[in-house]
Amino acid sequence: MPDLTPETLQAAVDAAMAGRHAVRAFLPTAIPRETIAEILGIAARAPSGTNLQPWRVHVLTGATRQTLVDAVCAAYDAAEPGHQAEYNYYPAEFFEPYLARRRKIGWDLYGLLGIRKGDAERMKAQMRRNLEFFGAPVGLIFSIDRRMGQGGWLDYGMFLQNVMLAARARGLDTCPQVAWLDYHRIIADVLGFGPREQLVCGMSLGHADPAAIENSLQTERAGLAEFVVFHE
């Protein structure tokens, strides 16, 4: 790896972080397997307690990707009972300031798409797009050994961020997705999960569709005063 000046390194890292955002419409352009392997290989440099490296990744392309999409979308369309997340990603009840942030991003997205409040059919259709990986040619399904403690999940978050930043550094885009959680049983069956393998989340990977209005959404971030306390 060539030596970089501190200024060049800062600019590159900052650009990857600032340029990463959740993309919800992708081009069908195939991604070489070698590129996916590069992304996951460098992402695996993420820190983990005593180097446990608790991540496991299922890379879905081609027929296997379509098989999973078809199976999960069929369950979604049929509104089959009994599908629920295996773990609580969100709090049982939202409270401020988190409730306001959640509502804002929802209505900002729906506003771009022209989906009005109460339009249940279009909301349902947009939700279904999650289960199609938003058209991305690569779907990533992440899992963990269910015996891991909370620290392993914290480590996993750093790995996921690395995946997204490594993709951005290569001109690719991603969307981390918790929408798959309700269908963990179908996913486990299609992908052949082991008995101790637990779904963490999914992720879409590919080239953003520049013509898709939803990809213009830029989420706001709280100012430092809202989450930082300086002790001197």
C-alpha atoms as a PDB file:
ATOM      1  CA  MET A   1       0.000   0.000   0.000  1.00  0.00           C
ATOM      2  CA  PRO A   2       1.531   3.370  -0.971  1.00  0.00           C
ATOM      3  CA  ASP A   3       2.419   5.846   1.761  1.00  0.00           C
ATOM      4  CA  LEU A   4      -0.209   8.560   2.105  1.00  0.00           C
ATOM      5  CA  THR A   5       0.202  11.955   3.645  1.00  0.00           C
ATOM      6  CA  PRO A   6      -1.998  12.593   6.690  1.00  0.00           C
ATOM      7  CA  GLU A   7      -3.990  15.089   4.645  1.00  0.00           C
ATOM      8  CA  THR A   8      -4.574  12.628   1.777  1.00  0.00           C
ATOM      9  CA  LEU A   9      -5.530   9.840   4.158  1.00  0.00           C
ATOM     10  CA  GLN A  10      -7.928  12.097   6.040  1.00  0.00           C
ATOM     11  CA  ALA A  11      -9.555  13.254   2.825  1.00  0.00           C
ATOM     12  CA  ALA A  12     -10.017   9.695   1.555  1.00  0.00           C
ATOM     13  CA  VAL A  13     -11.475   8.351   4.796  1.00  0.00           C
ATOM     14  CA  ASP A  14     -13.714  11.374   5.315  1.00  0.00           C
ATOM     15  CA  ALA A  15     -14.986  11.141   1.731  1.00  0.00           C
ATOM     16  CA  ALA A  16     -15.920   7.482   2.168  1.00  0.00           C
ATOM     17  CA  MET A  17     -17.782   8.195   5.398  1.00  0.00           C
ATOM     18  CA  ALA A  18     -19.532  11.316   4.124  1.00  0.00           C
ATOM     19  CA  GLY A  19     -20.395   9.679   0.797  1.00  0.00           C
ATOM     20  CA  ARG A  20     -21.972   6.594   2.304  1.00  0.00           C
ATOM     21  CA  HIS A  21     -25.752   6.678   2.487  1.00  0.00           C
ATOM     22  CA  ALA A  22     -28.533   4.143   2.221  1.00  0.00           C
ATOM     23  CA  VAL A  23     -29.335   3.556  -1.455  1.00  0.00           C
ATOM     24  CA  ARG A  24     -32.814   2.262  -2.269  1.00  0.00           C
ATOM     25  CA  ALA A  25     -32.583   1.747  -6.025  1.00  0.00           C
ATOM     26  CA  PHE A  26     -29.739  -0.002  -7.840  1.00  0.00           C
ATOM     27  CA  LEU A  27     -28.635  -0.653 -11.380  1.00  0.00           C
ATOM     28  CA  PRO A  28     -28.483  -4.329 -12.444  1.00  0.00           C
ATOM     29  CA  THR A  29     -24.777  -4.016 -13.297  1.00  0.00           C
ATOM     30  CA  ALA A  30     -22.960  -7.135 -12.107  1.00  0.00           C
ATOM     31  CA  ILE A  31     -20.228  -6.807  -9.484  1.00  0.00           C
ATOM     32  CA  PRO A  32     -17.138  -9.011 -10.017  1.00  0.00           C
ATOM     33  CA  ARG A  33     -16.653 -11.681  -7.383  1.00  0.00           C
ATOM     34  CA  GLU A  34     -13.096 -10.446  -6.895  1.00  0.00           C
ATOM     35  CA  THR A  35     -14.380  -6.995  -5.922  1.00  0.00           C
ATOM     36  CA  ILE A  36     -16.806  -8.466  -3.377  1.00  0.00           C
ATOM     37  CA  ALA A  37     -13.980 -10.570  -1.931  1.00  0.00           C
ATOM     38  CA  GLU A  38     -11.767  -7.464  -1.659  1.00  0.00           C
ATOM     39  CA  ILE A  39     -14.478  -5.564   0.195  1.00  0.00           C
ATOM     40  CA  LEU A  40     -15.111  -8.346   2.689  1.00  0.00           C
ATOM     41  CA  GLY A  41     -11.416  -9.055   3.123  1.00  0.00           C
ATOM     42  CA  ILE A  42     -10.486  -5.504   4.084  1.00  0.00           C
ATOM     43  CA  ALA A  43     -13.685  -5.112   6.158  1.00  0.00           C
ATOM     44  CA  ALA A  44     -12.544  -8.075   8.237  1.00  0.00           C
ATOM     45  CA  ARG A  45      -9.818  -5.829   9.670  1.00  0.00           C
ATOM     46  CA  ALA A  46     -12.546  -4.507  11.964  1.00  0.00           C
ATOM     47  CA  PRO A  47     -11.655  -4.797  15.649  1.00  0.00           C
ATOM     48  CA  SER A  48     -13.226  -7.479  17.812  1.00  0.00           C
ATOM     49  CA  GLY A  49     -12.767  -8.429  21.437  1.00  0.00           C
ATOM     50  CA  THR A  50      -9.852 -10.883  21.782  1.00  0.00           C
ATOM     51  CA  ASN A  51      -9.988 -11.178  17.969  1.00  0.00           C
ATOM     52  CA  LEU A  52     -13.128 -13.339  17.998  1.00  0.00           C
ATOM     53  CA  GLN A  53     -14.247 -12.039  14.579  1.00  0.00           C
ATOM     54  CA  PRO A  54     -17.896 -13.076  15.097  1.00  0.00           C
ATOM     55  CA  TRP A  55     -19.098 -12.286  11.565  1.00  0.00           C
ATOM     56  CA  ARG A  56     -20.305 -14.723   8.919  1.00  0.00           C
ATOM     57  CA  VAL A  57     -21.414 -13.537   5.480  1.00  0.00           C
ATOM     58  CA  HIS A  58     -23.604 -15.187   2.837  1.00  0.00           C
ATOM     59  CA  VAL A  59     -23.029 -13.558  -0.569  1.00  0.00           C
ATOM     60  CA  LEU A  60     -26.042 -13.941  -2.841  1.00  0.00           C
ATOM     61  CA  THR A  61     -25.970 -13.467  -6.592  1.00  0.00           C
ATOM     62  CA  GLY A  62     -27.722 -15.076  -9.537  1.00  0.00           C
ATOM     63  CA  ALA A  63     -30.117 -17.938  -8.940  1.00  0.00           C
ATOM     64  CA  THR A  64     -29.601 -18.193  -5.179  1.00  0.00           C
ATOM     65  CA  ARG A  65     -30.343 -14.517  -4.712  1.00  0.00           C
ATOM     66  CA  GLN A  66     -33.521 -14.870  -6.770  1.00  0.00           C
ATOM     67  CA  THR A  67     -34.612 -17.987  -4.889  1.00  0.00           C
ATOM     68  CA  LEU A  68     -34.422 -16.146  -1.582  1.00  0.00           C
ATOM     69  CA  VAL A  69     -36.153 -13.032  -2.951  1.00  0.00           C
ATOM     70  CA  ASP A  70     -38.979 -15.120  -4.402  1.00  0.00           C
ATOM     71  CA  ALA A  71     -39.490 -17.107  -1.195  1.00  0.00           C
ATOM     72  CA  VAL A  72     -39.543 -14.101   1.112  1.00  0.00           C
ATOM     73  CA  CYS A  73     -41.654 -11.942  -1.209  1.00  0.00           C
ATOM     74  CA  ALA A  74     -44.202 -14.766  -1.512  1.00  0.00           C
ATOM     75  CA  ALA A  75     -44.515 -14.880   2.282  1.00  0.00           C
ATOM     76  CA  TYR A  76     -44.772 -11.085   2.423  1.00  0.00           C
ATOM     77  CA  ASP A  77     -47.442 -10.909  -0.296  1.00  0.00           C
ATOM     78  CA  ALA A  78     -49.484 -13.632   1.379  1.00  0.00           C
ATOM     79  CA  ALA A  79     -49.196 -11.872   4.748  1.00  0.00           C
ATOM     80  CA  GLU A  80     -48.442 -15.230   6.289  1.00  0.00           C
ATOM     81  CA  PRO A  81     -48.891 -15.262  10.076  1.00  0.00           C
ATOM     82  CA  GLY A  82     -46.076 -16.175  12.427  1.00  0.00           C
ATOM     83  CA  HIS A  83     -43.276 -14.179  10.816  1.00  0.00           C
ATOM     84  CA  GLN A  84     -41.588 -11.998  13.396  1.00  0.00           C
ATOM     85  CA  ALA A  85     -38.074 -10.856  14.169  1.00  0.00           C
ATOM     86  CA  GLU A  86     -35.918 -13.178  16.236  1.00  0.00           C
ATOM     87  CA  TYR A  87     -34.487 -10.240  18.184  1.00  0.00           C
ATOM     88  CA  ASN A  88     -35.568  -6.675  18.946  1.00  0.00           C
ATOM     89  CA  TYR A  89     -33.672  -4.275  16.736  1.00  0.00           C
ATOM     90  CA  TYR A  90     -35.769  -1.293  17.810  1.00  0.00           C
ATOM     91  CA  PRO A  91     -37.032  -0.356  21.283  1.00  0.00           C
ATOM     92  CA  ALA A  92     -40.403  -1.802  22.238  1.00  0.00           C
ATOM     93  CA  GLU A  93     -41.784   1.753  22.328  1.00  0.00           C
ATOM     94  CA  PHE A  94     -40.202   4.759  20.635  1.00  0.00           C
ATOM     95  CA  PHE A  95     -39.526   7.916  22.633  1.00  0.00           C
ATOM     96  CA  GLU A  96     -38.009  11.306  21.925  1.00  0.00           C
ATOM     97  CA  PRO A  97     -35.814  12.380  20.301  1.00  0.00           C
ATOM     98  CA  TYR A  98     -35.747   9.047  18.474  1.00  0.00           C
ATOM     99  CA  LEU A  99     -39.418   8.991  17.555  1.00  0.00           C
ATOM    100  CA  ALA A 100     -39.150  12.340  15.751  1.00  0.00           C
ATOM    101  CA  ARG A 101     -36.048  11.210  13.863  1.00  0.00           C
ATOM    102  CA  ARG A 102     -37.746   8.003  12.770  1.00  0.00           C
ATOM    103  CA  ARG A 103     -40.843   9.814  11.584  1.00  0.00           C
ATOM    104  CA  LYS A 104     -38.838  12.421   9.690  1.00  0.00           C
ATOM    105  CA  ILE A 105     -36.840   9.992   7.603  1.00  0.00           C
ATOM    106  CA  GLY A 106     -39.990   8.017   6.833  1.00  0.00           C
ATOM    107  CA  TRP A 107     -41.928  11.010   5.584  1.00  0.00           C
ATOM    108  CA  ASP A 108     -38.894  12.493   3.814  1.00  0.00           C
ATOM    109  CA  LEU A 109     -38.567   9.267   1.818  1.00  0.00           C
ATOM    110  CA  TYR A 110     -42.278   8.938   1.136  1.00  0.00           C
ATOM    111  CA  GLY A 111     -42.410  12.598   0.143  1.00  0.00           C
ATOM    112  CA  LEU A 112     -39.764  12.063  -2.533  1.00  0.00           C
ATOM    113  CA  LEU A 113     -41.690   9.052  -3.807  1.00  0.00           C
ATOM    114  CA  GLY A 114     -45.035  10.859  -3.760  1.00  0.00           C
ATOM    115  CA  ILE A 115     -46.520   8.461  -1.218  1.00  0.00           C
ATOM    116  CA  ARG A 116     -49.161  10.227   0.839  1.00  0.00           C
ATOM    117  CA  LYS A 117     -50.057   9.503   4.445  1.00  0.00           C
ATOM    118  CA  GLY A 118     -52.586   6.684   4.580  1.00  0.00           C
ATOM    119  CA  ASP A 119     -51.622   5.203   1.193  1.00  0.00           C
ATOM    120  CA  ALA A 120     -51.194   1.714   2.589  1.00  0.00           C
ATOM    121  CA  GLU A 121     -50.817  -0.021  -0.774  1.00  0.00           C
ATOM    122  CA  ARG A 122     -47.897   2.108  -1.921  1.00  0.00           C
ATOM    123  CA  MET A 123     -46.277   1.914   1.497  1.00  0.00           C
ATOM    124  CA  LYS A 124     -46.534  -1.862   1.345  1.00  0.00           C
ATOM    125  CA  ALA A 125     -45.051  -1.903  -2.159  1.00  0.00           C
ATOM    126  CA  GLN A 126     -42.134   0.260  -1.055  1.00  0.00           C
ATOM    127  CA  MET A 127     -41.505  -2.006   1.919  1.00  0.00           C
ATOM    128  CA  ARG A 128     -41.456  -4.975  -0.466  1.00  0.00           C
ATOM    129  CA  ARG A 129     -38.563  -3.378  -2.324  1.00  0.00           C
ATOM    130  CA  ASN A 130     -36.403  -4.172   0.709  1.00  0.00           C
ATOM    131  CA  LEU A 131     -37.054  -7.849   0.121  1.00  0.00           C
ATOM    132  CA  GLU A 132     -35.862  -7.519  -3.474  1.00  0.00           C
ATOM    133  CA  PHE A 133     -32.551  -5.985  -2.321  1.00  0.00           C
ATOM    134  CA  PHE A 134     -33.829  -2.816  -4.049  1.00  0.00           C
ATOM    135  CA  GLY A 135     -32.785  -4.372  -7.352  1.00  0.00           C
ATOM    136  CA  ALA A 136     -29.114  -4.693  -6.348  1.00  0.00           C
ATOM    137  CA  PRO A 137     -27.267  -7.539  -8.091  1.00  0.00           C
ATOM    138  CA  VAL A 138     -25.620  -8.597  -4.816  1.00  0.00           C
ATOM    139  CA  GLY A 139     -27.393  -9.389  -1.594  1.00  0.00           C
ATOM    140  CA  LEU A 140     -25.439  -9.908   1.614  1.00  0.00           C
ATOM    141  CA  ILE A 141     -26.895 -11.805   4.542  1.00  0.00           C
ATOM    142  CA  PHE A 142     -25.009 -11.519   7.816  1.00  0.00           C
ATOM    143  CA  SER A 143     -25.228 -14.025  10.645  1.00  0.00           C
ATOM    144  CA  ILE A 144     -23.650 -14.684  14.017  1.00  0.00           C
ATOM    145  CA  ASP A 145     -23.293 -17.600  16.393  1.00  0.00           C
ATOM    146  CA  ARG A 146     -26.250 -17.154  18.738  1.00  0.00           C
ATOM    147  CA  ARG A 147     -24.041 -17.968  21.734  1.00  0.00           C
ATOM    148  CA  MET A 148     -22.166 -14.679  21.340  1.00  0.00           C
ATOM    149  CA  GLY A 149     -22.664 -11.959  23.945  1.00  0.00           C
ATOM    150  CA  GLN A 150     -23.454  -8.288  23.459  1.00  0.00           C
ATOM    151  CA  GLY A 151     -19.798  -7.526  22.807  1.00  0.00           C
ATOM    152  CA  GLY A 152     -19.855  -9.721  19.730  1.00  0.00           C
ATOM    153  CA  TRP A 153     -22.768  -7.705  18.352  1.00  0.00           C
ATOM    154  CA  LEU A 154     -20.885  -4.473  19.038  1.00  0.00           C
ATOM    155  CA  ASP A 155     -17.927  -5.879  17.102  1.00  0.00           C
ATOM    156  CA  TYR A 156     -20.300  -6.865  14.310  1.00  0.00           C
ATOM    157  CA  GLY A 157     -21.471  -3.285  13.898  1.00  0.00           C
ATOM    158  CA  MET A 158     -17.907  -2.162  13.265  1.00  0.00           C
ATOM    159  CA  PHE A 159     -17.517  -4.883  10.640  1.00  0.00           C
ATOM    160  CA  LEU A 160     -20.735  -3.821   8.893  1.00  0.00           C
ATOM    161  CA  GLN A 161     -19.550  -0.219   8.770  1.00  0.00           C
ATOM    162  CA  ASN A 162     -16.267  -1.386   7.280  1.00  0.00           C
ATOM    163  CA  VAL A 163     -18.134  -3.274   4.567  1.00  0.00           C
ATOM    164  CA  MET A 164     -20.080  -0.152   3.612  1.00  0.00           C
ATOM    165  CA  LEU A 165     -17.023   2.109   3.636  1.00  0.00           C
ATOM    166  CA  ALA A 166     -14.941  -0.350   1.609  1.00  0.00           C
ATOM    167  CA  ALA A 167     -17.745  -0.522  -0.943  1.00  0.00           C
ATOM    168  CA  ARG A 168     -17.956   3.277  -1.150  1.00  0.00           C
ATOM    169  CA  ALA A 169     -14.188   3.500  -1.630  1.00  0.00           C
ATOM    170  CA  ARG A 170     -14.646   1.326  -4.733  1.00  0.00           C
ATOM    171  CA  GLY A 171     -17.430   3.439  -6.164  1.00  0.00           C
ATOM    172  CA  LEU A 172     -20.178   1.095  -4.977  1.00  0.00           C
ATOM    173  CA  ASP A 173     -23.205   1.711  -2.790  1.00  0.00           C
ATOM    174  CA  THR A 174     -25.034  -0.190  -0.096  1.00  0.00           C
ATOM    175  CA  CYS A 175     -28.166  -0.284   1.986  1.00  0.00           C
ATOM    176  CA  PRO A 176     -28.077  -2.035   5.366  1.00  0.00           C
ATOM    177  CA  GLN A 177     -31.424  -3.709   5.949  1.00  0.00           C
ATOM    178  CA  VAL A 178     -33.251  -4.951   9.028  1.00  0.00           C
ATOM    179  CA  ALA A 179     -36.375  -5.698   6.973  1.00  0.00           C
ATOM    180  CA  TRP A 180     -35.176  -9.270   6.506  1.00  0.00           C
ATOM    181  CA  LEU A 181     -35.404 -10.051  10.221  1.00  0.00           C
ATOM    182  CA  ASP A 182     -39.058 -11.118  10.156  1.00  0.00           C
ATOM    183  CA  TYR A 183     -38.205 -13.832   7.636  1.00  0.00           C
ATOM    184  CA  HIS A 184     -35.244 -15.390   9.430  1.00  0.00           C
ATOM    185  CA  ARG A 185     -36.760 -18.878   9.252  1.00  0.00           C
ATOM    186  CA  ILE A 186     -37.098 -18.743   5.463  1.00  0.00           C
ATOM    187  CA  ILE A 187     -33.592 -17.324   5.128  1.00  0.00           C
ATOM    188  CA  ALA A 188     -32.159 -20.022   7.372  1.00  0.00           C
ATOM    189  CA  ASP A 189     -33.854 -22.704   5.277  1.00  0.00           C
ATOM    190  CA  VAL A 190     -32.804 -21.336   1.877  1.00  0.00           C
ATOM    191  CA  LEU A 191     -29.204 -20.638   2.922  1.00  0.00           C
ATOM    192  CA  GLY A 192     -28.765 -23.716   5.100  1.00  0.00           C
ATOM    193  CA  PHE A 193     -28.025 -22.009   8.405  1.00  0.00           C
ATOM    194  CA  GLY A 194     -26.480 -24.168  11.085  1.00  0.00           C
ATOM    195  CA  PRO A 195     -28.463 -24.769  14.310  1.00  0.00           C
ATOM    196  CA  ARG A 196     -26.555 -22.021  16.181  1.00  0.00           C
ATOM    197  CA  GLU A 197     -26.522 -19.512  13.312  1.00  0.00           C
ATOM    198  CA  GLN A 198     -28.622 -16.381  13.882  1.00  0.00           C
ATOM    199  CA  LEU A 199     -29.544 -13.718  11.336  1.00  0.00           C
ATOM    200  CA  VAL A 200     -28.101 -10.261  12.035  1.00  0.00           C
ATOM    201  CA  CYS A 201     -29.287  -8.263   9.007  1.00  0.00           C
ATOM    202  CA  GLY A 202     -29.142  -8.040   5.228  1.00  0.00           C
ATOM    203  CA  MET A 203     -27.444  -5.574   2.910  1.00  0.00           C
ATOM    204  CA  SER A 204     -27.834  -4.550  -0.729  1.00  0.00           C
ATOM    205  CA  LEU A 205     -24.644  -3.966  -2.718  1.00  0.00           C
ATOM    206  CA  GLY A 206     -24.210  -2.510  -6.191  1.00  0.00           C
ATOM    207  CA  HIS A 207     -24.222   0.692  -8.242  1.00  0.00           C
ATOM    208  CA  ALA A 208     -26.811   3.302  -7.284  1.00  0.00           C
ATOM    209  CA  ASP A 209     -29.358   4.177  -9.956  1.00  0.00           C
ATOM    210  CA  PRO A 210     -28.675   7.900 -10.542  1.00  0.00           C
ATOM    211  CA  ALA A 211     -32.149   8.407 -12.035  1.00  0.00           C
ATOM    212  CA  ALA A 212     -34.002   7.139  -8.941  1.00  0.00           C
ATOM    213  CA  ILE A 213     -35.404  10.038  -6.914  1.00  0.00           C
ATOM    214  CA  GLU A 214     -35.206   8.092  -3.647  1.00  0.00           C
ATOM    215  CA  ASN A 215     -31.428   8.042  -3.930  1.00  0.00           C
ATOM    216  CA  SER A 216     -31.344  11.807  -3.523  1.00  0.00           C
ATOM    217  CA  LEU A 217     -32.454  11.459   0.108  1.00  0.00           C
ATOM    218  CA  GLN A 218     -29.831  12.828   2.472  1.00  0.00           C
ATOM    219  CA  THR A 219     -30.608  12.162   6.106  1.00  0.00           C
ATOM    220  CA  GLU A 220     -29.844  14.799   8.709  1.00  0.00           C
ATOM    221  CA  ARG A 221     -27.455  14.250  11.593  1.00  0.00           C
ATOM    222  CA  ALA A 222     -27.743  15.696  15.075  1.00  0.00           C
ATOM    223  CA  GLY A 223     -25.280  18.417  15.998  1.00  0.00           C
ATOM    224  CA  LEU A 224     -22.474  17.643  18.417  1.00  0.00           C
ATOM    225  CA  ALA A 225     -24.267  19.496  21.208  1.00  0.00           C
ATOM    226  CA  GLU A 226     -26.978  16.832  21.153  1.00  0.00           C
ATOM    227  CA  PHE A 227     -24.733  13.852  21.818  1.00  0.00           C
ATOM    228  CA  VAL A 228     -21.281  14.996  22.956  1.00  0.00           C
ATOM    229  CA  VAL A 229     -20.185  16.072  26.421  1.00  0.00           C
ATOM    230  CA  PHE A 230     -16.683  17.512  26.695  1.00  0.00           C
ATOM    231  CA  HIS A 231     -15.097  17.045  30.135  1.00  0.00           C
ATOM    232  CA  GLU A 232     -12.148  19.322  30.852  1.00  0.00           C
END
